[in-house]
């Protein structure tokens, strides 16, 4: 059991690290951020905090709302909230990925970041240790309102862009590209990897604790 969870946690952290590289590239593309990053970038500028700190606060607030509405969370959810933003901050601090100064270079870096985010998301989702906080929020909003997950996602992301823009977040052509194309890119990658996300049971924290306890008593 310990070996199984060590392997799954390793897959989870590797996937989140790949995702963090993708997010960093999207930030450094400098042509507009994806909706949630607009909010987090705006918060980092307005409140004078790092991007990672803003992402942690947003993630924690999102999962808190989902939990209050009855949604569960897992180890992967917590790692998504706290580990991934820390790694993004690390990459920004090192300066390994320079900020683009041209639209052409920005587009190339943006697409590379989107692809790495999709691959990283597939990788950490295969660990089945819990969905990301934003995914949990979309599910609970869909359940509470009776609307589709896609509609709930669109409305929430539009609000994220609006608030982030008011706080000074970076909005541009990259925002439009990611808002329109990132879902399709995720679907394409999942199809190539023959990964059916909807069929994977994401283990929540109580289930994980029960499994570990059952093997140790």
N, C-alpha and C. Protein backbone atom coordinates (compact mmCIF):
# COMPACT_ATOMS: atom_id res chain seq x y z
N UNK A 1 0.83 -1.21 0.00
CA UNK A 1 0.00 0.00 0.00
C UNK A 1 0.86 1.26 0.00
N UNK A 2 1.91 1.27 0.85
CA UNK A 2 2.79 2.44 0.92
C UNK A 2 3.49 2.66 -0.41
N UNK A 3 3.91 1.56 -1.04
CA UNK A 3 4.58 1.67 -2.34
C UNK A 3 3.63 2.20 -3.41
N UNK A 4 2.38 1.73 -3.36
CA UNK A 4 1.38 2.19 -4.33
C UNK A 4 1.16 3.69 -4.21
N UNK A 5 0.99 4.18 -2.97
CA UNK A 5 0.73 5.60 -2.79
C UNK A 5 1.97 6.45 -3.07
N UNK A 6 3.15 5.91 -2.79
CA UNK A 6 4.37 6.64 -3.13
C UNK A 6 4.47 6.83 -4.64
N UNK A 7 4.11 5.79 -5.40
CA UNK A 7 4.13 5.89 -6.86
C UNK A 7 3.09 6.88 -7.35
N UNK A 8 1.87 6.80 -6.81
CA UNK A 8 0.80 7.69 -7.24
C UNK A 8 1.11 9.14 -6.90
N UNK A 9 1.68 9.37 -5.73
CA UNK A 9 2.05 10.74 -5.34
C UNK A 9 3.17 11.26 -6.23
N UNK A 10 4.11 10.36 -6.61
CA UNK A 10 5.17 10.75 -7.53
C UNK A 10 4.61 11.18 -8.88
N UNK A 11 3.63 10.42 -9.39
CA UNK A 11 2.97 10.77 -10.66
C UNK A 11 2.25 12.11 -10.51
N UNK A 12 1.55 12.29 -9.39
CA UNK A 12 0.84 13.54 -9.12
C UNK A 12 1.77 14.73 -9.14
N UNK A 13 2.89 14.65 -8.41
CA UNK A 13 3.81 15.78 -8.33
C UNK A 13 4.52 16.03 -9.66
N UNK A 14 4.82 14.96 -10.39
CA UNK A 14 5.44 15.14 -11.72
C UNK A 14 4.48 15.86 -12.66
N UNK A 15 3.22 15.45 -12.63
CA UNK A 15 2.22 16.10 -13.47
C UNK A 15 2.03 17.56 -13.12
N UNK A 16 2.00 17.86 -11.82
CA UNK A 16 1.84 19.25 -11.39
C UNK A 16 3.06 20.08 -11.75
N UNK A 17 4.25 19.48 -11.72
CA UNK A 17 5.46 20.22 -12.11
C UNK A 17 5.43 20.55 -13.60
N UNK A 18 5.00 19.58 -14.43
CA UNK A 18 4.85 19.85 -15.87
C UNK A 18 3.81 20.95 -16.09
N UNK A 19 2.71 20.88 -15.36
CA UNK A 19 1.67 21.92 -15.46
C UNK A 19 2.23 23.28 -15.07
N UNK A 20 3.06 23.30 -14.03
CA UNK A 20 3.65 24.56 -13.56
C UNK A 20 4.56 25.17 -14.63
N UNK A 21 5.30 24.33 -15.35
CA UNK A 21 6.12 24.83 -16.46
C UNK A 21 5.21 25.44 -17.52
N UNK A 22 4.11 24.76 -17.82
CA UNK A 22 3.16 25.28 -18.81
C UNK A 22 2.58 26.61 -18.39
N UNK A 23 2.18 26.72 -17.13
CA UNK A 23 1.62 27.98 -16.63
C UNK A 23 2.65 29.09 -16.70
N UNK A 24 3.90 28.78 -16.32
CA UNK A 24 4.96 29.78 -16.37
C UNK A 24 5.18 30.28 -17.79
N UNK A 25 5.20 29.37 -18.76
CA UNK A 25 5.36 29.77 -20.16
C UNK A 25 4.20 30.66 -20.61
N UNK A 26 3.00 30.33 -20.20
CA UNK A 26 1.83 31.14 -20.57
C UNK A 26 1.93 32.53 -19.97
N UNK A 27 2.44 32.62 -18.75
CA UNK A 27 2.65 33.93 -18.12
C UNK A 27 3.70 34.73 -18.88
N UNK A 28 4.78 34.06 -19.26
CA UNK A 28 5.90 34.75 -19.90
C UNK A 28 5.67 35.02 -21.38
N UNK A 29 4.60 34.45 -21.95
CA UNK A 29 4.28 34.74 -23.35
C UNK A 29 3.97 36.21 -23.55
N UNK A 30 3.40 36.85 -22.51
CA UNK A 30 3.20 38.31 -22.49
C UNK A 30 2.23 38.80 -23.56
N UNK A 31 1.23 37.97 -23.88
CA UNK A 31 0.22 38.42 -24.86
C UNK A 31 -1.19 38.24 -24.31
N UNK A 32 -1.32 38.11 -23.01
CA UNK A 32 -2.63 37.89 -22.41
C UNK A 32 -2.69 36.53 -21.75
N UNK A 33 -3.31 36.46 -20.58
CA UNK A 33 -3.33 35.25 -19.77
C UNK A 33 -4.66 34.52 -19.87
N UNK A 34 -4.63 33.23 -19.51
CA UNK A 34 -5.87 32.48 -19.44
C UNK A 34 -6.72 33.02 -18.28
N UNK A 35 -8.03 32.80 -18.31
CA UNK A 35 -8.95 33.49 -17.38
C UNK A 35 -8.55 33.48 -15.90
N UNK A 36 -8.26 32.31 -15.35
CA UNK A 36 -7.91 32.27 -13.92
C UNK A 36 -6.59 32.99 -13.64
N UNK A 37 -5.66 32.89 -14.59
CA UNK A 37 -4.37 33.58 -14.41
C UNK A 37 -4.53 35.09 -14.48
N UNK A 38 -5.52 35.59 -15.24
CA UNK A 38 -5.79 37.02 -15.25
C UNK A 38 -6.16 37.48 -13.84
N UNK A 39 -7.03 36.72 -13.19
CA UNK A 39 -7.42 37.05 -11.81
C UNK A 39 -6.23 37.00 -10.87
N UNK A 40 -5.44 35.94 -10.96
CA UNK A 40 -4.30 35.77 -10.06
C UNK A 40 -3.20 36.79 -10.33
N UNK A 41 -2.99 37.12 -11.60
CA UNK A 41 -2.03 38.16 -11.96
C UNK A 41 -2.49 39.52 -11.44
N UNK A 42 -3.78 39.81 -11.59
CA UNK A 42 -4.32 41.06 -11.07
C UNK A 42 -4.17 41.16 -9.56
N UNK A 43 -4.46 40.07 -8.86
CA UNK A 43 -4.30 40.05 -7.40
C UNK A 43 -2.85 40.27 -7.00
N UNK A 44 -1.93 39.63 -7.73
CA UNK A 44 -0.51 39.77 -7.39
C UNK A 44 -0.03 41.21 -7.55
N UNK A 45 -0.55 41.90 -8.58
CA UNK A 45 -0.16 43.29 -8.81
C UNK A 45 -0.83 44.23 -7.81
N UNK A 46 -2.12 44.04 -7.58
CA UNK A 46 -2.88 44.95 -6.73
C UNK A 46 -2.50 44.82 -5.26
N UNK A 47 -2.31 43.58 -4.81
CA UNK A 47 -2.03 43.34 -3.39
C UNK A 47 -0.53 43.15 -3.12
N UNK A 48 0.30 43.29 -4.16
CA UNK A 48 1.75 43.20 -4.02
C UNK A 48 2.17 41.86 -3.39
N UNK A 49 1.73 40.80 -4.01
CA UNK A 49 2.11 39.45 -3.59
C UNK A 49 2.62 38.69 -4.80
N UNK A 50 3.22 37.52 -4.59
CA UNK A 50 3.68 36.73 -5.73
C UNK A 50 2.47 36.10 -6.44
N UNK A 51 2.71 35.72 -7.70
CA UNK A 51 1.65 35.05 -8.46
C UNK A 51 1.24 33.76 -7.75
N UNK A 52 2.22 33.02 -7.25
CA UNK A 52 1.92 31.76 -6.58
C UNK A 52 1.06 31.94 -5.35
N UNK A 53 1.36 32.98 -4.56
CA UNK A 53 0.55 33.25 -3.37
C UNK A 53 -0.89 33.56 -3.76
N UNK A 54 -1.06 34.37 -4.80
CA UNK A 54 -2.41 34.69 -5.29
C UNK A 54 -3.12 33.42 -5.76
N UNK A 55 -2.40 32.55 -6.46
CA UNK A 55 -3.00 31.31 -6.95
C UNK A 55 -3.42 30.40 -5.79
N UNK A 56 -2.60 30.36 -4.74
CA UNK A 56 -2.95 29.56 -3.55
C UNK A 56 -4.22 30.09 -2.90
N UNK A 57 -4.31 31.42 -2.78
CA UNK A 57 -5.49 32.02 -2.15
C UNK A 57 -6.75 31.75 -2.97
N UNK A 58 -6.64 31.89 -4.28
CA UNK A 58 -7.78 31.63 -5.15
C UNK A 58 -8.19 30.16 -5.07
N UNK A 59 -7.21 29.27 -5.15
CA UNK A 59 -7.49 27.84 -5.07
C UNK A 59 -8.15 27.46 -3.76
N UNK A 60 -7.63 28.01 -2.65
CA UNK A 60 -8.19 27.70 -1.34
C UNK A 60 -9.62 28.22 -1.22
N UNK A 61 -9.87 29.43 -1.75
CA UNK A 61 -11.22 30.00 -1.69
C UNK A 61 -12.19 29.18 -2.54
N UNK A 62 -11.74 28.76 -3.70
CA UNK A 62 -12.59 27.98 -4.61
C UNK A 62 -12.97 26.65 -3.98
N UNK A 63 -11.99 25.94 -3.42
CA UNK A 63 -12.30 24.63 -2.83
C UNK A 63 -13.13 24.78 -1.57
N UNK A 64 -12.96 25.90 -0.85
CA UNK A 64 -13.79 26.14 0.35
C UNK A 64 -15.26 26.26 -0.05
N UNK A 65 -15.52 27.00 -1.13
CA UNK A 65 -16.89 27.13 -1.63
C UNK A 65 -17.44 25.76 -2.04
N UNK A 66 -16.61 24.98 -2.75
CA UNK A 66 -17.05 23.65 -3.20
C UNK A 66 -17.36 22.74 -2.01
N UNK A 67 -16.53 22.80 -0.97
CA UNK A 67 -16.74 21.97 0.21
C UNK A 67 -18.03 22.38 0.93
N UNK A 68 -18.26 23.69 1.05
CA UNK A 68 -19.49 24.17 1.68
C UNK A 68 -20.74 23.70 0.93
N UNK A 69 -20.56 23.46 -0.38
CA UNK A 69 -21.68 22.99 -1.19
C UNK A 69 -21.74 21.47 -1.27
N UNK A 70 -20.88 20.79 -0.49
CA UNK A 70 -20.96 19.34 -0.41
C UNK A 70 -19.98 18.56 -1.27
N UNK A 71 -19.07 19.24 -1.96
CA UNK A 71 -18.10 18.55 -2.80
C UNK A 71 -16.90 18.11 -1.96
N UNK A 72 -16.32 16.95 -2.28
CA UNK A 72 -15.17 16.45 -1.53
C UNK A 72 -13.87 16.86 -2.23
N UNK A 73 -12.76 16.57 -1.56
CA UNK A 73 -11.46 16.88 -2.15
C UNK A 73 -10.47 15.79 -1.75
N UNK A 74 -9.35 15.74 -2.46
CA UNK A 74 -8.35 14.72 -2.18
C UNK A 74 -6.96 15.30 -2.03
N UNK A 75 -6.00 14.40 -1.89
CA UNK A 75 -4.60 14.83 -1.78
C UNK A 75 -4.19 15.62 -3.01
N UNK A 76 -4.67 15.18 -4.17
CA UNK A 76 -4.34 15.88 -5.41
C UNK A 76 -4.88 17.29 -5.44
N UNK A 77 -6.05 17.49 -4.84
CA UNK A 77 -6.64 18.84 -4.77
C UNK A 77 -5.74 19.76 -3.96
N UNK A 78 -5.29 19.27 -2.81
CA UNK A 78 -4.41 20.06 -1.94
C UNK A 78 -3.08 20.36 -2.63
N UNK A 79 -2.53 19.35 -3.32
CA UNK A 79 -1.27 19.57 -4.03
C UNK A 79 -1.45 20.59 -5.15
N UNK A 80 -2.60 20.54 -5.81
CA UNK A 80 -2.92 21.50 -6.87
C UNK A 80 -2.96 22.92 -6.32
N UNK A 81 -3.49 23.06 -5.11
CA UNK A 81 -3.63 24.39 -4.50
C UNK A 81 -2.29 24.93 -4.02
N UNK A 82 -1.48 24.07 -3.37
CA UNK A 82 -0.30 24.57 -2.68
C UNK A 82 1.03 24.26 -3.37
N UNK A 83 1.15 23.08 -4.01
CA UNK A 83 2.43 22.71 -4.61
C UNK A 83 2.66 23.40 -5.95
N UNK A 84 1.66 23.33 -6.84
CA UNK A 84 1.82 23.89 -8.19
C UNK A 84 2.14 25.39 -8.18
N UNK A 85 1.40 26.23 -7.41
CA UNK A 85 1.74 27.65 -7.38
C UNK A 85 3.15 27.93 -6.85
N UNK A 86 3.58 27.12 -5.88
CA UNK A 86 4.94 27.29 -5.35
C UNK A 86 5.97 27.04 -6.44
N UNK A 87 5.75 26.02 -7.27
CA UNK A 87 6.68 25.70 -8.35
C UNK A 87 6.67 26.81 -9.41
N UNK A 88 5.49 27.37 -9.70
CA UNK A 88 5.40 28.49 -10.64
C UNK A 88 6.22 29.67 -10.12
N UNK A 89 6.06 30.00 -8.84
CA UNK A 89 6.84 31.08 -8.25
C UNK A 89 8.35 30.80 -8.36
N UNK A 90 8.73 29.55 -8.15
CA UNK A 90 10.15 29.18 -8.25
C UNK A 90 10.67 29.44 -9.66
N UNK A 91 9.91 29.01 -10.67
CA UNK A 91 10.35 29.21 -12.05
C UNK A 91 10.42 30.70 -12.40
N UNK A 92 9.47 31.48 -11.93
CA UNK A 92 9.50 32.93 -12.19
C UNK A 92 10.69 33.57 -11.49
N UNK A 93 11.01 33.09 -10.29
CA UNK A 93 12.12 33.65 -9.53
C UNK A 93 13.47 33.34 -10.20
N UNK A 94 13.61 32.12 -10.74
CA UNK A 94 14.88 31.75 -11.36
C UNK A 94 15.13 32.48 -12.67
N UNK A 95 14.05 32.89 -13.34
CA UNK A 95 14.22 33.56 -14.64
C UNK A 95 14.61 32.62 -15.75
N UNK A 96 14.39 31.32 -15.57
CA UNK A 96 14.73 30.35 -16.60
C UNK A 96 13.93 30.53 -17.87
N UNK A 97 12.73 31.09 -17.74
CA UNK A 97 11.86 31.29 -18.89
C UNK A 97 11.66 32.79 -19.09
N UNK A 98 12.42 33.39 -20.02
CA UNK A 98 12.34 34.85 -20.20
C UNK A 98 11.00 35.29 -20.76
N UNK A 99 10.63 36.52 -20.45
CA UNK A 99 9.38 37.07 -20.96
C UNK A 99 9.55 37.46 -22.42
N UNK A 100 8.58 37.08 -23.24
CA UNK A 100 8.63 37.38 -24.67
C UNK A 100 8.36 38.86 -24.93
N UNK A 101 9.02 39.39 -25.94
CA UNK A 101 8.85 40.80 -26.30
C UNK A 101 8.23 41.01 -27.66
N UNK A 102 7.88 39.90 -28.34
CA UNK A 102 7.25 40.01 -29.66
C UNK A 102 6.00 39.15 -29.68
N UNK A 103 5.06 39.53 -30.54
CA UNK A 103 3.81 38.79 -30.64
C UNK A 103 4.05 37.37 -31.17
N UNK A 104 4.94 37.24 -32.16
CA UNK A 104 5.22 35.92 -32.73
C UNK A 104 5.82 34.98 -31.70
N UNK A 105 6.84 35.47 -30.99
CA UNK A 105 7.45 34.65 -29.95
C UNK A 105 6.46 34.35 -28.84
N UNK A 106 5.63 35.33 -28.52
CA UNK A 106 4.63 35.14 -27.48
C UNK A 106 3.63 34.06 -27.83
N UNK A 107 3.21 34.03 -29.10
CA UNK A 107 2.26 33.00 -29.54
C UNK A 107 2.87 31.60 -29.45
N UNK A 108 4.13 31.46 -29.87
CA UNK A 108 4.80 30.16 -29.80
C UNK A 108 4.91 29.68 -28.36
N UNK A 109 5.32 30.59 -27.48
CA UNK A 109 5.48 30.23 -26.07
C UNK A 109 4.13 29.92 -25.43
N UNK A 110 3.11 30.69 -25.81
CA UNK A 110 1.76 30.44 -25.28
C UNK A 110 1.27 29.05 -25.66
N UNK A 111 1.42 28.68 -26.94
CA UNK A 111 0.96 27.36 -27.39
C UNK A 111 1.76 26.24 -26.72
N UNK A 112 3.07 26.48 -26.54
CA UNK A 112 3.89 25.48 -25.84
C UNK A 112 3.41 25.32 -24.40
N UNK A 113 3.09 26.43 -23.75
CA UNK A 113 2.60 26.39 -22.39
C UNK A 113 1.25 25.68 -22.29
N UNK A 114 0.37 25.95 -23.23
CA UNK A 114 -0.94 25.29 -23.24
C UNK A 114 -0.78 23.78 -23.38
N UNK A 115 0.12 23.36 -24.27
CA UNK A 115 0.32 21.93 -24.48
C UNK A 115 0.90 21.27 -23.22
N UNK A 116 1.87 21.92 -22.60
CA UNK A 116 2.45 21.35 -21.37
C UNK A 116 1.42 21.30 -20.24
N UNK A 117 0.56 22.31 -20.18
CA UNK A 117 -0.49 22.30 -19.16
C UNK A 117 -1.44 21.12 -19.40
N UNK A 118 -1.79 20.87 -20.65
CA UNK A 118 -2.67 19.75 -20.97
C UNK A 118 -2.02 18.41 -20.63
N UNK A 119 -0.74 18.25 -21.00
CA UNK A 119 -0.02 17.01 -20.70
C UNK A 119 0.13 16.83 -19.19
N UNK A 120 0.49 17.91 -18.50
CA UNK A 120 0.64 17.83 -17.05
C UNK A 120 -0.66 17.49 -16.35
N UNK A 121 -1.76 18.05 -16.84
CA UNK A 121 -3.07 17.76 -16.26
C UNK A 121 -3.43 16.30 -16.46
N UNK A 122 -3.20 15.78 -17.68
CA UNK A 122 -3.44 14.35 -17.92
C UNK A 122 -2.60 13.50 -16.97
N UNK A 123 -1.35 13.86 -16.81
CA UNK A 123 -0.44 13.06 -15.99
C UNK A 123 -0.90 13.02 -14.53
N UNK A 124 -1.21 14.20 -13.96
CA UNK A 124 -1.59 14.16 -12.54
C UNK A 124 -2.98 13.58 -12.33
N UNK A 125 -3.85 13.69 -13.34
CA UNK A 125 -5.17 13.09 -13.21
C UNK A 125 -5.10 11.56 -13.21
N UNK A 126 -4.07 11.00 -13.85
CA UNK A 126 -3.93 9.54 -13.84
C UNK A 126 -3.60 9.01 -12.45
N UNK A 127 -3.12 9.86 -11.56
CA UNK A 127 -2.86 9.41 -10.18
C UNK A 127 -4.17 9.16 -9.43
N UNK A 128 -5.26 9.76 -9.90
CA UNK A 128 -6.60 9.57 -9.32
C UNK A 128 -6.64 9.89 -7.83
N UNK A 129 -5.91 10.94 -7.43
CA UNK A 129 -5.86 11.33 -6.02
C UNK A 129 -6.67 12.59 -5.72
N UNK A 130 -7.54 12.98 -6.64
CA UNK A 130 -8.39 14.15 -6.39
C UNK A 130 -8.30 15.14 -7.52
N UNK A 131 -9.43 15.71 -7.89
CA UNK A 131 -9.47 16.69 -8.98
C UNK A 131 -9.01 18.05 -8.49
N UNK A 132 -8.71 18.94 -9.45
CA UNK A 132 -8.30 20.29 -9.10
C UNK A 132 -9.45 21.08 -8.49
N UNK A 133 -9.15 22.14 -7.74
CA UNK A 133 -10.21 22.90 -7.07
C UNK A 133 -11.21 23.53 -8.03
N UNK A 134 -10.75 24.00 -9.17
CA UNK A 134 -11.66 24.65 -10.12
C UNK A 134 -12.60 23.63 -10.75
N UNK A 135 -12.09 22.42 -11.01
CA UNK A 135 -12.96 21.37 -11.54
C UNK A 135 -14.05 21.02 -10.53
N UNK A 136 -13.66 20.93 -9.26
CA UNK A 136 -14.64 20.62 -8.21
C UNK A 136 -15.72 21.70 -8.14
N UNK A 137 -15.30 22.96 -8.29
CA UNK A 137 -16.27 24.06 -8.24
C UNK A 137 -17.25 23.97 -9.39
N UNK A 138 -16.76 23.67 -10.59
CA UNK A 138 -17.64 23.57 -11.75
C UNK A 138 -18.68 22.47 -11.58
N UNK A 139 -18.23 21.35 -11.02
CA UNK A 139 -19.14 20.23 -10.80
C UNK A 139 -20.24 20.60 -9.81
N UNK A 140 -19.85 21.24 -8.71
CA UNK A 140 -20.84 21.56 -7.68
C UNK A 140 -21.79 22.66 -8.16
N UNK A 141 -21.29 23.62 -8.93
CA UNK A 141 -22.16 24.67 -9.47
C UNK A 141 -23.16 24.07 -10.46
N UNK A 142 -22.69 23.14 -11.28
CA UNK A 142 -23.58 22.48 -12.23
C UNK A 142 -24.68 21.72 -11.50
N UNK A 143 -24.29 21.03 -10.42
CA UNK A 143 -25.26 20.25 -9.66
C UNK A 143 -26.27 21.15 -8.95
N UNK A 144 -25.81 22.27 -8.41
CA UNK A 144 -26.69 23.16 -7.67
C UNK A 144 -27.63 23.95 -8.56
N UNK A 145 -27.16 24.34 -9.75
CA UNK A 145 -27.96 25.19 -10.63
C UNK A 145 -28.74 24.41 -11.68
N UNK A 146 -28.34 23.17 -11.93
CA UNK A 146 -28.98 22.39 -12.98
C UNK A 146 -28.50 22.76 -14.37
N UNK A 147 -27.48 23.60 -14.46
CA UNK A 147 -26.92 24.01 -15.75
C UNK A 147 -25.74 23.11 -16.11
N UNK A 148 -25.32 23.18 -17.36
CA UNK A 148 -24.20 22.35 -17.79
C UNK A 148 -22.89 22.82 -17.16
N UNK A 149 -21.95 21.88 -17.06
CA UNK A 149 -20.63 22.22 -16.53
C UNK A 149 -19.97 23.27 -17.41
N UNK A 150 -20.14 23.13 -18.74
CA UNK A 150 -19.54 24.10 -19.67
C UNK A 150 -20.05 25.50 -19.46
N UNK A 151 -21.37 25.65 -19.25
CA UNK A 151 -21.94 26.97 -19.02
C UNK A 151 -21.43 27.55 -17.71
N UNK A 152 -21.41 26.73 -16.66
CA UNK A 152 -20.92 27.20 -15.36
C UNK A 152 -19.46 27.64 -15.47
N UNK A 153 -18.67 26.86 -16.20
CA UNK A 153 -17.26 27.20 -16.38
C UNK A 153 -17.11 28.53 -17.11
N UNK A 154 -17.90 28.73 -18.16
CA UNK A 154 -17.81 29.96 -18.95
C UNK A 154 -18.16 31.18 -18.11
N UNK A 155 -19.23 31.08 -17.32
CA UNK A 155 -19.67 32.21 -16.49
C UNK A 155 -18.62 32.54 -15.44
N UNK A 156 -18.12 31.52 -14.76
CA UNK A 156 -17.13 31.74 -13.70
C UNK A 156 -15.85 32.33 -14.28
N UNK A 157 -15.41 31.81 -15.43
CA UNK A 157 -14.17 32.31 -16.02
C UNK A 157 -14.34 33.74 -16.53
N UNK A 158 -15.52 34.08 -17.02
CA UNK A 158 -15.79 35.46 -17.44
C UNK A 158 -15.68 36.40 -16.24
N UNK A 159 -16.23 35.99 -15.10
CA UNK A 159 -16.13 36.78 -13.88
C UNK A 159 -14.68 36.90 -13.43
N UNK A 160 -13.92 35.81 -13.55
CA UNK A 160 -12.51 35.83 -13.16
C UNK A 160 -11.73 36.84 -14.01
N UNK A 161 -12.01 36.84 -15.32
CA UNK A 161 -11.34 37.79 -16.22
C UNK A 161 -11.72 39.22 -15.86
N UNK A 162 -13.00 39.47 -15.62
CA UNK A 162 -13.47 40.82 -15.31
C UNK A 162 -12.82 41.35 -14.04
N UNK A 163 -12.86 40.56 -12.97
CA UNK A 163 -12.27 41.00 -11.70
C UNK A 163 -10.77 41.16 -11.84
N UNK A 164 -10.12 40.20 -12.51
CA UNK A 164 -8.68 40.29 -12.71
C UNK A 164 -8.28 41.50 -13.52
N UNK A 165 -9.04 41.81 -14.57
CA UNK A 165 -8.76 43.00 -15.39
C UNK A 165 -8.91 44.28 -14.58
N UNK A 166 -9.94 44.35 -13.75
CA UNK A 166 -10.14 45.52 -12.89
C UNK A 166 -8.99 45.70 -11.90
N UNK A 167 -8.36 44.59 -11.51
CA UNK A 167 -7.23 44.65 -10.58
C UNK A 167 -5.90 44.90 -11.30
N UNK A 168 -5.94 44.93 -12.62
CA UNK A 168 -4.73 45.18 -13.39
C UNK A 168 -4.14 43.97 -14.07
N UNK A 169 -4.87 42.85 -14.09
CA UNK A 169 -4.38 41.63 -14.72
C UNK A 169 -4.23 41.78 -16.22
N UNK A 170 -3.34 40.96 -16.79
CA UNK A 170 -3.00 41.05 -18.21
C UNK A 170 -4.05 40.36 -19.07
N UNK A 171 -4.74 41.14 -19.88
CA UNK A 171 -5.75 40.62 -20.82
C UNK A 171 -5.29 40.95 -22.24
N UNK A 172 -5.40 39.98 -23.14
CA UNK A 172 -4.98 40.20 -24.51
C UNK A 172 -5.45 39.07 -25.40
N UNK A 173 -4.82 38.96 -26.56
CA UNK A 173 -5.20 37.92 -27.51
C UNK A 173 -5.00 36.54 -26.91
N UNK A 174 -4.00 36.40 -26.03
CA UNK A 174 -3.76 35.12 -25.37
C UNK A 174 -4.93 34.69 -24.50
N UNK A 175 -5.64 35.67 -23.93
CA UNK A 175 -6.81 35.37 -23.10
C UNK A 175 -7.90 34.74 -23.96
N UNK A 176 -8.10 35.30 -25.15
CA UNK A 176 -9.11 34.77 -26.07
C UNK A 176 -8.71 33.38 -26.55
N UNK A 177 -7.44 33.22 -26.92
CA UNK A 177 -6.96 31.94 -27.44
C UNK A 177 -7.13 30.84 -26.39
N UNK A 178 -6.72 31.12 -25.17
CA UNK A 178 -6.81 30.09 -24.13
C UNK A 178 -8.26 29.80 -23.74
N UNK A 179 -9.06 30.86 -23.65
CA UNK A 179 -10.47 30.66 -23.27
C UNK A 179 -11.20 29.79 -24.29
N UNK A 180 -10.88 30.00 -25.56
CA UNK A 180 -11.56 29.26 -26.63
C UNK A 180 -10.92 27.90 -26.90
N UNK A 181 -9.57 27.87 -26.85
CA UNK A 181 -8.87 26.69 -27.34
C UNK A 181 -8.36 25.69 -26.33
N UNK A 182 -8.25 26.08 -25.06
CA UNK A 182 -7.58 25.17 -24.13
C UNK A 182 -8.42 23.92 -23.86
N UNK A 183 -9.75 24.08 -23.84
CA UNK A 183 -10.61 22.92 -23.63
C UNK A 183 -10.46 21.90 -24.75
N UNK A 184 -10.43 22.41 -26.00
CA UNK A 184 -10.26 21.53 -27.16
C UNK A 184 -8.90 20.85 -27.14
N UNK A 185 -7.87 21.58 -26.71
CA UNK A 185 -6.52 21.01 -26.63
C UNK A 185 -6.46 19.90 -25.59
N UNK A 186 -7.13 20.11 -24.45
CA UNK A 186 -7.21 19.07 -23.43
C UNK A 186 -7.88 17.83 -24.00
N UNK A 187 -9.00 18.02 -24.68
CA UNK A 187 -9.72 16.88 -25.25
C UNK A 187 -8.87 16.13 -26.27
N UNK A 188 -8.12 16.87 -27.09
CA UNK A 188 -7.26 16.25 -28.09
C UNK A 188 -6.18 15.40 -27.42
N UNK A 189 -5.53 15.96 -26.39
CA UNK A 189 -4.48 15.22 -25.70
C UNK A 189 -5.04 13.99 -24.99
N UNK A 190 -6.18 14.15 -24.34
CA UNK A 190 -6.78 13.01 -23.65
C UNK A 190 -7.13 11.91 -24.65
N UNK A 191 -7.59 12.30 -25.84
CA UNK A 191 -7.90 11.31 -26.87
C UNK A 191 -6.64 10.60 -27.35
N UNK A 192 -5.56 11.35 -27.56
CA UNK A 192 -4.30 10.76 -28.00
C UNK A 192 -3.75 9.77 -26.96
N UNK A 193 -3.92 10.11 -25.68
CA UNK A 193 -3.46 9.23 -24.60
C UNK A 193 -4.50 8.16 -24.23
N UNK A 194 -5.64 8.19 -24.94
CA UNK A 194 -6.74 7.26 -24.66
C UNK A 194 -7.14 7.31 -23.19
N UNK A 195 -7.25 8.52 -22.71
CA UNK A 195 -7.59 8.75 -21.31
C UNK A 195 -9.00 9.33 -21.22
N UNK A 196 -9.87 8.64 -20.54
CA UNK A 196 -11.25 9.09 -20.39
C UNK A 196 -11.43 9.63 -18.97
N UNK A 197 -11.28 10.94 -18.85
CA UNK A 197 -11.27 11.57 -17.53
C UNK A 197 -12.55 11.31 -16.75
N UNK A 198 -13.68 11.30 -17.44
CA UNK A 198 -14.96 11.13 -16.76
C UNK A 198 -15.11 9.75 -16.15
N UNK A 199 -14.35 8.78 -16.65
CA UNK A 199 -14.47 7.41 -16.16
C UNK A 199 -13.50 7.11 -15.01
N UNK A 200 -12.62 8.04 -14.70
CA UNK A 200 -11.64 7.84 -13.63
C UNK A 200 -12.21 8.35 -12.31
N UNK A 201 -12.29 7.47 -11.33
CA UNK A 201 -12.76 7.89 -10.01
C UNK A 201 -11.62 8.59 -9.28
N UNK A 202 -11.81 9.87 -8.98
CA UNK A 202 -10.81 10.64 -8.26
C UNK A 202 -11.02 10.42 -6.76
N UNK A 203 -10.04 9.80 -6.13
CA UNK A 203 -10.13 9.41 -4.73
C UNK A 203 -10.12 10.64 -3.82
N UNK A 204 -11.11 10.74 -2.94
CA UNK A 204 -11.12 11.87 -2.01
C UNK A 204 -10.35 11.51 -0.74
N UNK A 205 -10.13 12.50 0.11
CA UNK A 205 -9.28 12.30 1.28
C UNK A 205 -9.83 11.24 2.24
N UNK A 206 -11.13 11.24 2.56
CA UNK A 206 -11.64 10.18 3.44
C UNK A 206 -11.41 8.78 2.87
N UNK A 207 -11.54 8.62 1.54
CA UNK A 207 -11.30 7.31 0.93
C UNK A 207 -9.83 6.91 1.06
N UNK A 208 -8.94 7.86 0.85
CA UNK A 208 -7.52 7.58 0.99
C UNK A 208 -7.18 7.15 2.41
N UNK A 209 -7.71 7.88 3.39
CA UNK A 209 -7.44 7.55 4.79
C UNK A 209 -8.01 6.18 5.16
N UNK A 210 -9.20 5.87 4.64
CA UNK A 210 -9.80 4.56 4.93
C UNK A 210 -8.96 3.43 4.35
N UNK A 211 -8.46 3.63 3.13
CA UNK A 211 -7.64 2.59 2.49
C UNK A 211 -6.36 2.36 3.25
N UNK A 212 -5.71 3.47 3.66
CA UNK A 212 -4.46 3.34 4.41
C UNK A 212 -4.71 2.71 5.77
N UNK A 213 -5.78 3.13 6.44
CA UNK A 213 -6.11 2.60 7.76
C UNK A 213 -6.45 1.12 7.66
N UNK A 214 -7.15 0.75 6.59
CA UNK A 214 -7.54 -0.64 6.42
C UNK A 214 -6.36 -1.57 6.23
N UNK A 215 -5.27 -1.03 5.72
CA UNK A 215 -4.08 -1.84 5.48
C UNK A 215 -3.13 -1.88 6.67
N UNK A 216 -3.36 -0.95 7.63
CA UNK A 216 -2.42 -0.85 8.75
C UNK A 216 -2.98 -1.42 10.04
N UNK A 217 -4.33 -1.65 10.11
CA UNK A 217 -4.93 -2.21 11.33
C UNK A 217 -4.88 -3.73 11.29
